[in-house]
Amino acid sequence: MHRLTFLAGLAVGYVLGTRSGRDRYEQMRSGAQQFAQNPAVRNAAESAAHNGRDMATKALDSVNEKVGHRLPESVTEKVQALRDRRTPVDDDWGTSGA
């Protein structure tokens, strides 16, 4: 009898927990979407992505200057290809996939 009561309570708790959990998840998802659509947040994300690309380019240049002549030819070619691609790349970083 105690097992049956325990199992029934477990089943009811699971059903109620998943429903309230799903509601909470939807609330959090909606809040995250509103946050991501805020113009100030979008500008900050775009600025951070741009600054990150600039810093990566500077780091690539620095490494290439210091050890580029010691790298295998295949790596040197790839570094040169990256160096030649200095124009900003349009990407969807920080945008919602939904």
Protein backbone atom coordinates (compact mmCIF):
# COMPACT_ATOMS: atom_id res chain seq x y z
CA MET A 1 0.00 0.00 0.00
CA HIS A 2 2.81 2.41 0.86
CA ARG A 3 4.55 1.69 -2.43
CA LEU A 4 1.40 2.39 -4.39
CA THR A 5 0.92 5.70 -2.58
CA PHE A 6 4.57 6.59 -3.15
CA LEU A 7 4.39 5.76 -6.86
CA ALA A 8 1.15 7.72 -7.29
CA GLY A 9 2.73 10.72 -5.57
CA LEU A 10 5.81 10.37 -7.73
CA ALA A 11 3.71 10.29 -10.90
CA VAL A 12 1.64 13.34 -9.86
CA GLY A 13 4.80 15.24 -8.89
CA TYR A 14 6.42 14.42 -12.22
CA VAL A 15 3.41 15.59 -14.24
CA LEU A 16 3.00 18.81 -12.26
CA GLY A 17 6.75 19.44 -12.25
CA THR A 18 7.08 19.06 -16.00
CA ARG A 19 4.16 21.40 -16.67
CA SER A 20 5.44 24.11 -14.36
CA GLY A 21 8.97 23.49 -15.61
CA ARG A 22 7.84 23.98 -19.19
CA ASP A 23 6.01 27.20 -18.24
CA ARG A 24 9.13 28.52 -16.51
CA TYR A 25 11.26 27.55 -19.50
CA GLU A 26 8.92 29.48 -21.81
CA GLN A 27 9.13 32.53 -19.52
CA MET A 28 12.93 32.40 -19.53
CA ARG A 29 13.04 31.91 -23.30
CA SER A 30 10.74 34.87 -23.89
CA GLY A 31 12.84 37.06 -21.59
CA ALA A 32 16.04 36.03 -23.36
CA GLN A 33 14.53 36.86 -26.75
CA GLN A 34 13.42 40.29 -25.55
CA PHE A 35 16.89 40.89 -24.10
CA ALA A 36 18.60 39.85 -27.35
CA GLN A 37 16.34 42.12 -29.41
CA ASN A 38 17.19 45.19 -27.33
CA PRO A 39 19.09 47.64 -29.60
CA ALA A 40 21.68 48.40 -26.91
CA VAL A 41 22.41 44.70 -26.44
CA ARG A 42 22.63 44.12 -30.20
CA ASN A 43 25.03 47.06 -30.58
CA ALA A 44 27.20 45.77 -27.74
CA ALA A 45 27.28 42.28 -29.26
CA GLU A 46 28.21 43.63 -32.70
CA SER A 47 30.91 45.82 -31.18
CA ALA A 48 32.33 42.90 -29.21
CA ALA A 49 32.37 40.71 -32.31
CA HIS A 50 34.11 43.43 -34.32
CA ASN A 51 36.69 44.04 -31.58
CA GLY A 52 37.27 40.30 -31.28
CA ARG A 53 37.95 40.00 -35.01
CA ASP A 54 40.36 42.96 -34.85
CA MET A 55 42.24 41.49 -31.90
CA ALA A 56 42.42 38.08 -33.55
CA THR A 57 43.89 39.69 -36.66
CA LYS A 58 46.50 41.53 -34.58
CA ALA A 59 47.38 38.31 -32.75
CA LEU A 60 47.66 36.46 -36.04
CA ASP A 61 49.98 39.15 -37.40
CA SER A 62 52.12 39.08 -34.27
CA VAL A 63 52.48 35.30 -34.28
CA ASN A 64 53.20 35.27 -37.99
CA GLU A 65 55.92 37.91 -37.62
CA LYS A 66 57.63 36.02 -34.79
CA VAL A 67 57.36 32.41 -35.93
CA GLY A 68 56.02 32.56 -39.46
CA HIS A 69 59.34 31.65 -41.06
CA ARG A 70 59.55 28.53 -38.86
CA LEU A 71 56.10 27.20 -39.67
CA PRO A 72 55.46 24.45 -42.20
CA GLU A 73 54.58 25.70 -45.67
CA SER A 74 50.96 24.50 -45.42
CA VAL A 75 50.42 26.49 -42.22
CA THR A 76 52.11 29.57 -43.69
CA GLU A 77 49.76 29.41 -46.69
CA LYS A 78 46.72 29.23 -44.43
CA VAL A 79 47.95 32.16 -42.34
CA GLN A 80 48.52 34.18 -45.51
CA ALA A 81 45.02 33.34 -46.73
CA LEU A 82 43.58 34.56 -43.42
CA ARG A 83 45.69 37.71 -43.58
CA ASP A 84 44.39 38.49 -47.07
CA ARG A 85 40.80 38.17 -45.83
CA ARG A 86 40.83 41.31 -43.70
CA THR A 87 37.44 42.53 -44.78
CA PRO A 88 34.80 42.02 -42.08
CA VAL A 89 32.90 38.81 -42.38
CA ASP A 90 29.12 38.99 -42.13
CA ASP A 91 28.03 36.38 -39.65
CA ASP A 92 24.98 35.70 -37.53
CA TRP A 93 26.77 35.65 -34.20
CA GLY A 94 24.41 36.61 -31.43
CA THR A 95 21.27 36.31 -33.50
CA SER A 96 18.46 34.00 -32.64
CA GLY A 97 18.29 30.74 -34.53
CA ALA A 98 14.56 30.42 -33.89
